Amino acid sequence: MAVLVRLGETIHAIPLEYVDEVLPALPIETIPHAPAYLRGAVLIRGAIVPVVNVAMRLGLKEHVRPPEPPIVCLFLGGRRIGVEVDEALDLVDWSRGVYVDAGDLRIQDELVAGMVELDGHAIRLLNPERLLATEDAGSLRLEGSVAVTGACSAASG
């Protein structure tokens, strides 16, 4: 099972095992000196959660961010992150489609695990564990607060 999301004109799937919830747009606080794809952080039930701009992380240069994008909350290795998408579409059983692994497609980007053809649509299956770059994942502490190491200060809510 996966949550289908739209980024621009393309459809992506996020494996349901990582998805906690889908939220409407929330006010995002910026984090100084954070990577460009890290939009900032949101407050969700008392926890500060970093939010990744997935379109930017995927390198979609022509992407136009909608005025109030929803946030898909994920749990990754005991950490919670939000991913900003254009639209959350549906819950699907992607295993009923024809899956092709990223390696077989010669996709070099570790963010895309593969593609699946489902009901006549080519859907990119995202690899949630790669949404934060390895060097960034280690610098964020996500249990109740966000701290960015180096020159960055702790986010406040």
N, C-alpha and C. Protein backbone atom coordinates (compact mmCIF):
# COMPACT_ATOMS: atom_id res chain seq x y z
N MET A 1 0.85 -1.18 0.00
CA MET A 1 0.00 0.00 0.00
C MET A 1 0.89 1.24 0.00
N ALA A 2 0.37 2.29 -0.59
CA ALA A 2 1.12 3.54 -0.67
C ALA A 2 0.16 4.71 -0.75
N VAL A 3 0.64 5.87 -0.32
CA VAL A 3 -0.11 7.12 -0.47
C VAL A 3 0.37 7.77 -1.76
N LEU A 4 -0.58 8.05 -2.65
CA LEU A 4 -0.24 8.75 -3.89
C LEU A 4 -0.25 10.24 -3.64
N VAL A 5 0.78 10.91 -4.13
CA VAL A 5 0.88 12.37 -4.02
C VAL A 5 1.23 12.94 -5.38
N ARG A 6 0.84 14.18 -5.59
CA ARG A 6 1.16 14.87 -6.83
C ARG A 6 2.20 15.94 -6.56
N LEU A 7 3.20 15.99 -7.44
CA LEU A 7 4.20 17.05 -7.44
C LEU A 7 4.24 17.59 -8.86
N GLY A 8 3.68 18.76 -9.07
CA GLY A 8 3.56 19.27 -10.43
C GLY A 8 2.64 18.36 -11.21
N GLU A 9 3.11 17.90 -12.36
CA GLU A 9 2.31 17.02 -13.21
C GLU A 9 2.58 15.54 -12.95
N THR A 10 3.51 15.23 -12.05
CA THR A 10 3.89 13.84 -11.83
C THR A 10 3.26 13.26 -10.57
N ILE A 11 3.01 11.97 -10.62
CA ILE A 11 2.44 11.25 -9.48
C ILE A 11 3.54 10.42 -8.84
N HIS A 12 3.62 10.49 -7.52
CA HIS A 12 4.59 9.72 -6.76
C HIS A 12 3.84 8.90 -5.71
N ALA A 13 4.45 7.83 -5.26
CA ALA A 13 3.88 7.00 -4.20
C ALA A 13 4.86 6.96 -3.03
N ILE A 14 4.30 7.07 -1.84
CA ILE A 14 5.09 6.95 -0.61
C ILE A 14 4.59 5.69 0.10
N PRO A 15 5.47 4.71 0.34
CA PRO A 15 5.02 3.47 1.00
C PRO A 15 4.30 3.76 2.32
N LEU A 16 3.15 3.15 2.49
CA LEU A 16 2.29 3.40 3.65
C LEU A 16 2.99 3.08 4.97
N GLU A 17 3.92 2.15 4.96
CA GLU A 17 4.60 1.77 6.20
C GLU A 17 5.35 2.95 6.83
N TYR A 18 5.64 3.99 6.05
CA TYR A 18 6.33 5.17 6.56
C TYR A 18 5.38 6.30 6.94
N VAL A 19 4.16 6.27 6.43
CA VAL A 19 3.23 7.39 6.57
C VAL A 19 2.49 7.32 7.91
N ASP A 20 2.53 8.44 8.63
CA ASP A 20 1.80 8.56 9.88
C ASP A 20 0.45 9.24 9.65
N GLU A 21 0.47 10.37 8.95
CA GLU A 21 -0.76 11.11 8.69
C GLU A 21 -0.52 12.13 7.59
N VAL A 22 -1.63 12.63 7.04
CA VAL A 22 -1.58 13.71 6.05
C VAL A 22 -2.29 14.89 6.67
N LEU A 23 -1.60 16.03 6.70
CA LEU A 23 -2.14 17.23 7.33
C LEU A 23 -2.34 18.34 6.30
N PRO A 24 -3.28 19.24 6.56
CA PRO A 24 -3.40 20.41 5.69
C PRO A 24 -2.19 21.31 5.89
N ALA A 25 -2.07 22.33 5.07
CA ALA A 25 -0.95 23.27 5.20
C ALA A 25 -0.90 23.83 6.63
N LEU A 26 0.32 23.96 7.13
CA LEU A 26 0.55 24.51 8.47
C LEU A 26 1.58 25.63 8.36
N PRO A 27 1.58 26.57 9.31
CA PRO A 27 2.62 27.60 9.30
C PRO A 27 4.00 26.97 9.49
N ILE A 28 4.92 27.31 8.62
CA ILE A 28 6.27 26.74 8.68
C ILE A 28 7.25 27.79 9.16
N GLU A 29 8.00 27.46 10.20
CA GLU A 29 9.05 28.32 10.72
C GLU A 29 10.36 27.97 10.03
N THR A 30 11.06 28.95 9.53
CA THR A 30 12.33 28.68 8.85
C THR A 30 13.40 28.27 9.85
N ILE A 31 14.36 27.52 9.37
CA ILE A 31 15.51 27.11 10.17
C ILE A 31 16.74 27.75 9.52
N PRO A 32 17.38 28.70 10.19
CA PRO A 32 18.53 29.38 9.59
C PRO A 32 19.64 28.40 9.19
N HIS A 33 20.22 28.63 8.03
CA HIS A 33 21.37 27.87 7.52
C HIS A 33 21.07 26.41 7.22
N ALA A 34 19.79 26.05 7.15
CA ALA A 34 19.41 24.67 6.81
C ALA A 34 19.58 24.46 5.31
N PRO A 35 19.68 23.22 4.87
CA PRO A 35 19.75 22.97 3.42
C PRO A 35 18.54 23.58 2.73
N ALA A 36 18.68 23.99 1.48
CA ALA A 36 17.61 24.68 0.75
C ALA A 36 16.33 23.86 0.67
N TYR A 37 16.44 22.53 0.57
CA TYR A 37 15.25 21.70 0.45
C TYR A 37 14.51 21.52 1.78
N LEU A 38 15.12 21.93 2.89
CA LEU A 38 14.46 21.86 4.19
C LEU A 38 13.69 23.16 4.39
N ARG A 39 12.37 23.10 4.18
CA ARG A 39 11.53 24.30 4.22
C ARG A 39 11.52 24.95 5.59
N GLY A 40 11.68 24.17 6.63
CA GLY A 40 11.62 24.68 7.99
C GLY A 40 11.05 23.62 8.90
N ALA A 41 10.30 24.07 9.90
CA ALA A 41 9.72 23.13 10.86
C ALA A 41 8.30 23.58 11.21
N VAL A 42 7.46 22.60 11.55
CA VAL A 42 6.09 22.87 11.98
C VAL A 42 5.90 22.29 13.38
N LEU A 43 4.92 22.84 14.07
CA LEU A 43 4.57 22.34 15.39
C LEU A 43 3.36 21.43 15.23
N ILE A 44 3.53 20.15 15.60
CA ILE A 44 2.45 19.18 15.50
C ILE A 44 2.26 18.54 16.86
N ARG A 45 1.15 18.85 17.50
CA ARG A 45 0.82 18.32 18.82
C ARG A 45 1.99 18.39 19.80
N GLY A 46 2.62 19.55 19.86
CA GLY A 46 3.69 19.79 20.81
C GLY A 46 5.07 19.36 20.36
N ALA A 47 5.18 18.76 19.18
CA ALA A 47 6.49 18.34 18.66
C ALA A 47 6.87 19.21 17.47
N ILE A 48 8.13 19.58 17.41
CA ILE A 48 8.63 20.34 16.27
C ILE A 48 9.15 19.35 15.24
N VAL A 49 8.59 19.44 14.03
CA VAL A 49 8.86 18.46 12.97
C VAL A 49 9.45 19.17 11.76
N PRO A 50 10.62 18.76 11.28
CA PRO A 50 11.19 19.38 10.08
C PRO A 50 10.36 19.03 8.84
N VAL A 51 10.29 19.96 7.89
CA VAL A 51 9.50 19.76 6.68
C VAL A 51 10.41 19.87 5.46
N VAL A 52 10.38 18.82 4.64
CA VAL A 52 11.19 18.74 3.43
C VAL A 52 10.33 19.14 2.23
N ASN A 53 10.86 19.99 1.38
CA ASN A 53 10.22 20.33 0.11
C ASN A 53 10.64 19.23 -0.87
N VAL A 54 9.75 18.26 -1.09
CA VAL A 54 10.09 17.08 -1.89
C VAL A 54 10.41 17.46 -3.33
N ALA A 55 9.68 18.42 -3.89
CA ALA A 55 9.94 18.83 -5.27
C ALA A 55 11.37 19.35 -5.41
N MET A 56 11.82 20.14 -4.46
CA MET A 56 13.19 20.66 -4.50
C MET A 56 14.19 19.53 -4.28
N ARG A 57 13.88 18.64 -3.38
CA ARG A 57 14.77 17.51 -3.09
C ARG A 57 14.95 16.62 -4.32
N LEU A 58 13.87 16.50 -5.12
CA LEU A 58 13.93 15.71 -6.34
C LEU A 58 14.54 16.47 -7.51
N GLY A 59 14.80 17.77 -7.30
CA GLY A 59 15.41 18.57 -8.37
C GLY A 59 14.43 18.98 -9.45
N LEU A 60 13.15 19.12 -9.10
CA LEU A 60 12.14 19.54 -10.07
C LEU A 60 12.21 21.07 -10.21
N LYS A 61 13.07 21.53 -11.09
CA LYS A 61 13.37 22.96 -11.22
C LYS A 61 12.19 23.80 -11.69
N GLU A 62 11.31 23.25 -12.50
CA GLU A 62 10.16 23.99 -13.03
C GLU A 62 8.96 23.97 -12.08
N HIS A 63 9.10 23.32 -10.94
CA HIS A 63 7.98 23.16 -10.02
C HIS A 63 7.55 24.50 -9.42
N VAL A 64 6.24 24.71 -9.39
CA VAL A 64 5.67 25.90 -8.76
C VAL A 64 4.92 25.43 -7.51
N ARG A 65 5.38 25.91 -6.37
CA ARG A 65 4.80 25.49 -5.09
C ARG A 65 3.38 26.07 -4.96
N PRO A 66 2.40 25.23 -4.61
CA PRO A 66 1.05 25.75 -4.40
C PRO A 66 1.00 26.64 -3.15
N PRO A 67 0.00 27.51 -3.06
CA PRO A 67 -0.06 28.45 -1.91
C PRO A 67 -0.16 27.76 -0.55
N GLU A 68 -0.88 26.65 -0.46
CA GLU A 68 -1.05 25.96 0.81
C GLU A 68 -0.90 24.45 0.63
N PRO A 69 0.33 23.98 0.48
CA PRO A 69 0.54 22.56 0.24
C PRO A 69 0.33 21.71 1.50
N PRO A 70 -0.27 20.53 1.32
CA PRO A 70 -0.42 19.63 2.46
C PRO A 70 0.94 19.05 2.88
N ILE A 71 0.98 18.52 4.07
CA ILE A 71 2.20 17.92 4.62
C ILE A 71 1.90 16.46 4.95
N VAL A 72 2.70 15.56 4.37
CA VAL A 72 2.59 14.13 4.69
C VAL A 72 3.64 13.86 5.77
N CYS A 73 3.18 13.42 6.94
CA CYS A 73 4.09 13.13 8.06
C CYS A 73 4.56 11.69 7.97
N LEU A 74 5.87 11.51 8.07
CA LEU A 74 6.50 10.20 7.97
C LEU A 74 7.27 9.87 9.24
N PHE A 75 7.38 8.58 9.55
CA PHE A 75 8.29 8.11 10.59
C PHE A 75 9.43 7.40 9.90
N LEU A 76 10.65 7.87 10.14
CA LEU A 76 11.84 7.30 9.52
C LEU A 76 12.86 7.00 10.59
N GLY A 77 13.10 5.73 10.83
CA GLY A 77 14.10 5.34 11.82
C GLY A 77 13.86 5.94 13.18
N GLY A 78 12.61 5.98 13.62
CA GLY A 78 12.27 6.55 14.92
C GLY A 78 12.18 8.06 14.92
N ARG A 79 12.36 8.68 13.77
CA ARG A 79 12.28 10.14 13.64
C ARG A 79 11.05 10.50 12.83
N ARG A 80 10.49 11.64 13.11
CA ARG A 80 9.32 12.12 12.39
C ARG A 80 9.74 13.29 11.51
N ILE A 81 9.36 13.24 10.23
CA ILE A 81 9.57 14.37 9.33
C ILE A 81 8.30 14.61 8.54
N GLY A 82 8.15 15.83 8.07
CA GLY A 82 7.03 16.17 7.20
C GLY A 82 7.56 16.37 5.79
N VAL A 83 6.77 15.99 4.81
CA VAL A 83 7.13 16.24 3.43
C VAL A 83 6.01 17.05 2.79
N GLU A 84 6.40 18.13 2.16
CA GLU A 84 5.46 19.04 1.53
C GLU A 84 5.21 18.55 0.10
N VAL A 85 3.95 18.34 -0.26
CA VAL A 85 3.57 17.89 -1.59
C VAL A 85 2.52 18.84 -2.14
N ASP A 86 2.26 18.77 -3.44
CA ASP A 86 1.23 19.63 -4.02
C ASP A 86 -0.17 19.17 -3.64
N GLU A 87 -0.34 17.85 -3.59
CA GLU A 87 -1.65 17.29 -3.31
C GLU A 87 -1.50 15.84 -2.86
N ALA A 88 -2.23 15.46 -1.83
CA ALA A 88 -2.32 14.05 -1.43
C ALA A 88 -3.55 13.50 -2.14
N LEU A 89 -3.37 12.44 -2.93
CA LEU A 89 -4.44 11.99 -3.82
C LEU A 89 -5.25 10.82 -3.29
N ASP A 90 -4.56 9.72 -2.93
CA ASP A 90 -5.30 8.50 -2.65
C ASP A 90 -4.39 7.49 -1.97
N LEU A 91 -5.01 6.44 -1.48
CA LEU A 91 -4.30 5.29 -0.93
C LEU A 91 -4.48 4.17 -1.94
N VAL A 92 -3.37 3.56 -2.40
CA VAL A 92 -3.46 2.52 -3.42
C VAL A 92 -2.64 1.30 -3.04
N ASP A 93 -3.02 0.18 -3.62
CA ASP A 93 -2.25 -1.05 -3.50
C ASP A 93 -1.34 -1.12 -4.72
N TRP A 94 -0.13 -0.58 -4.58
CA TRP A 94 0.77 -0.50 -5.73
C TRP A 94 1.30 -1.87 -6.14
N SER A 95 1.15 -2.87 -5.27
CA SER A 95 1.65 -4.20 -5.62
C SER A 95 0.82 -4.85 -6.73
N ARG A 96 -0.36 -4.32 -7.04
CA ARG A 96 -1.16 -4.88 -8.12
C ARG A 96 -0.73 -4.33 -9.48
N GLY A 97 0.21 -3.39 -9.49
CA GLY A 97 0.73 -2.85 -10.74
C GLY A 97 2.01 -3.56 -11.15
N VAL A 98 2.58 -3.13 -12.26
CA VAL A 98 3.84 -3.69 -12.77
C VAL A 98 4.97 -2.81 -12.24
N TYR A 99 5.83 -3.39 -11.39
CA TYR A 99 6.91 -2.64 -10.73
C TYR A 99 8.23 -2.88 -11.46
N VAL A 100 8.99 -1.79 -11.63
CA VAL A 100 10.33 -1.88 -12.19
C VAL A 100 11.27 -1.17 -11.21
N ASP A 101 12.28 -1.87 -10.75
CA ASP A 101 13.26 -1.33 -9.80
C ASP A 101 14.07 -0.20 -10.43
N ALA A 102 14.49 0.75 -9.62
CA ALA A 102 15.27 1.90 -10.10
C ALA A 102 16.53 1.45 -10.83
N GLY A 103 17.18 0.43 -10.33
CA GLY A 103 18.40 -0.07 -10.98
C GLY A 103 18.15 -0.58 -12.39
N ASP A 104 17.01 -1.24 -12.57
CA ASP A 104 16.65 -1.74 -13.90
C ASP A 104 16.34 -0.59 -14.86
N LEU A 105 15.90 0.54 -14.32
CA LEU A 105 15.60 1.71 -15.14
C LEU A 105 16.82 2.61 -15.33
N ARG A 106 17.93 2.23 -14.68
CA ARG A 106 19.17 3.03 -14.71
C ARG A 106 18.97 4.40 -14.06
N ILE A 107 18.08 4.44 -13.07
CA ILE A 107 17.86 5.68 -12.32
C ILE A 107 18.98 5.81 -11.30
N GLN A 108 19.71 6.90 -11.35
CA GLN A 108 20.84 7.12 -10.46
C GLN A 108 20.43 7.78 -9.14
N ASP A 109 19.24 8.33 -9.11
CA ASP A 109 18.76 9.07 -7.95
C ASP A 109 18.25 8.11 -6.88
N GLU A 110 18.86 8.11 -5.71
CA GLU A 110 18.45 7.21 -4.63
C GLU A 110 17.11 7.59 -4.02
N LEU A 111 16.57 8.75 -4.39
CA LEU A 111 15.28 9.18 -3.86
C LEU A 111 14.12 8.40 -4.49
N VAL A 112 14.34 7.86 -5.68
CA VAL A 112 13.31 7.09 -6.37
C VAL A 112 13.71 5.61 -6.31
N ALA A 113 12.86 4.80 -5.67
CA ALA A 113 13.15 3.37 -5.51
C ALA A 113 12.81 2.59 -6.78
N GLY A 114 11.90 3.13 -7.57
CA GLY A 114 11.48 2.46 -8.79
C GLY A 114 10.24 3.12 -9.34
N MET A 115 9.65 2.47 -10.33
CA MET A 115 8.41 2.96 -10.92
C MET A 115 7.42 1.81 -11.02
N VAL A 116 6.15 2.17 -10.95
CA VAL A 116 5.10 1.18 -11.08
C VAL A 116 4.07 1.71 -12.08
N GLU A 117 3.61 0.82 -12.96
CA GLU A 117 2.52 1.16 -13.86
C GLU A 117 1.25 0.70 -13.17
N LEU A 118 0.34 1.63 -12.97
CA LEU A 118 -0.89 1.33 -12.25
C LEU A 118 -2.04 2.06 -12.93
N ASP A 119 -3.00 1.32 -13.43
CA ASP A 119 -4.17 1.88 -14.09
C ASP A 119 -3.79 2.87 -15.20
N GLY A 120 -2.75 2.55 -15.96
CA GLY A 120 -2.35 3.38 -17.08
C GLY A 120 -1.48 4.57 -16.72
N HIS A 121 -1.06 4.66 -15.46
CA HIS A 121 -0.21 5.77 -15.01
C HIS A 121 1.16 5.25 -14.59
N ALA A 122 2.19 6.00 -14.96
CA ALA A 122 3.55 5.69 -14.49
C ALA A 122 3.75 6.45 -13.19
N ILE A 123 3.96 5.72 -12.12
CA ILE A 123 4.07 6.32 -10.78
C ILE A 123 5.46 6.06 -10.24
N ARG A 124 6.10 7.11 -9.75
CA ARG A 124 7.43 6.99 -9.16
C ARG A 124 7.29 6.63 -7.69
N LEU A 125 7.92 5.54 -7.28
CA LEU A 125 7.89 5.12 -5.89
C LEU A 125 9.07 5.77 -5.16
N LEU A 126 8.75 6.64 -4.21
CA LEU A 126 9.79 7.36 -3.47
C LEU A 126 10.43 6.46 -2.42
N ASN A 127 11.69 6.73 -2.13
CA ASN A 127 12.42 6.06 -1.07
C ASN A 127 12.48 7.04 0.11
N PRO A 128 11.53 6.98 1.05
CA PRO A 128 11.47 7.96 2.13
C PRO A 128 12.75 8.06 2.95
N GLU A 129 13.48 6.96 3.09
CA GLU A 129 14.69 6.98 3.91
C GLU A 129 15.78 7.87 3.32
N ARG A 130 15.65 8.27 2.06
CA ARG A 130 16.66 9.13 1.43
C ARG A 130 16.20 10.58 1.31
N LEU A 131 15.02 10.92 1.84
CA LEU A 131 14.52 12.29 1.71
C LEU A 131 15.41 13.30 2.42
N LEU A 132 15.97 12.93 3.55
CA LEU A 132 16.98 13.76 4.19
C LEU A 132 18.33 13.22 3.75
N ALA A 133 19.18 14.09 3.27
CA ALA A 133 20.52 13.64 2.89
C ALA A 133 21.20 13.04 4.11
N THR A 134 22.04 12.07 3.90
CA THR A 134 22.70 11.37 5.00
C THR A 134 23.37 12.35 5.96
N GLU A 135 24.05 13.34 5.41
CA GLU A 135 24.74 14.30 6.28
C GLU A 135 23.77 15.18 7.06
N ASP A 136 22.55 15.40 6.51
CA ASP A 136 21.57 16.22 7.20
C ASP A 136 20.81 15.41 8.24
N ALA A 137 20.53 14.15 7.94
CA ALA A 137 19.76 13.31 8.86
C ALA A 137 20.46 13.20 10.21
N GLY A 138 21.78 13.09 10.21
CA GLY A 138 22.52 12.98 11.45
C GLY A 138 22.56 14.27 12.24
N SER A 139 22.31 15.40 11.58
CA SER A 139 22.41 16.67 12.28
C SER A 139 21.09 17.14 12.85
N LEU A 140 20.00 16.43 12.55
CA LEU A 140 18.70 16.82 13.07
C LEU A 140 18.29 15.90 14.21
N ARG A 141 17.85 16.50 15.29
CA ARG A 141 17.33 15.73 16.42
C ARG A 141 15.84 16.01 16.43
N LEU A 142 15.02 14.98 16.25
CA LEU A 142 13.62 15.20 15.96
C LEU A 142 12.65 14.76 17.04
N GLU A 143 13.11 14.39 18.20
CA GLU A 143 12.18 13.99 19.25
C GLU A 143 11.80 15.19 20.10
N GLY A 144 10.77 15.93 19.65
CA GLY A 144 10.26 17.05 20.43
C GLY A 144 10.92 18.36 20.07
N SER A 145 12.12 18.35 19.52
CA SER A 145 12.75 19.59 19.10
C SER A 145 13.64 19.30 17.91
N VAL A 146 13.97 20.34 17.20
CA VAL A 146 14.86 20.21 16.06
C VAL A 146 16.11 21.00 16.38
N ALA A 147 17.24 20.37 16.29
CA ALA A 147 18.49 21.08 16.46
C ALA A 147 19.32 20.84 15.22
N VAL A 148 19.83 21.87 14.63
CA VAL A 148 20.67 21.74 13.46
C VAL A 148 22.08 22.06 13.91
N THR A 149 23.01 21.14 13.65
CA THR A 149 24.37 21.31 14.14
C THR A 149 25.11 22.37 13.35
N GLY A 150 26.28 22.70 13.77
CA GLY A 150 27.12 23.68 13.07
C GLY A 150 26.65 25.08 13.41
N ALA A 151 26.54 25.92 12.37
CA ALA A 151 26.19 27.32 12.56
C ALA A 151 24.71 27.54 12.80
N CYS A 152 23.91 26.48 12.75
CA CYS A 152 22.48 26.63 12.86
C CYS A 152 22.06 26.64 14.33
N SER A 153 21.01 27.40 14.59
CA SER A 153 20.49 27.45 15.94
C SER A 153 19.30 26.53 16.05
N ALA A 154 18.90 26.21 17.27
CA ALA A 154 17.74 25.36 17.50
C ALA A 154 16.47 26.12 17.09
N ALA A 155 15.53 25.38 16.49
CA ALA A 155 14.26 25.99 16.10
C ALA A 155 13.42 26.19 17.34
N SER A 156 12.67 27.24 17.35
CA SER A 156 11.78 27.48 18.48
C SER A 156 10.37 27.61 17.98
N GLY A 157 9.41 27.21 18.79
CA GLY A 157 8.01 27.18 18.35
C GLY A 157 7.22 28.30 18.87
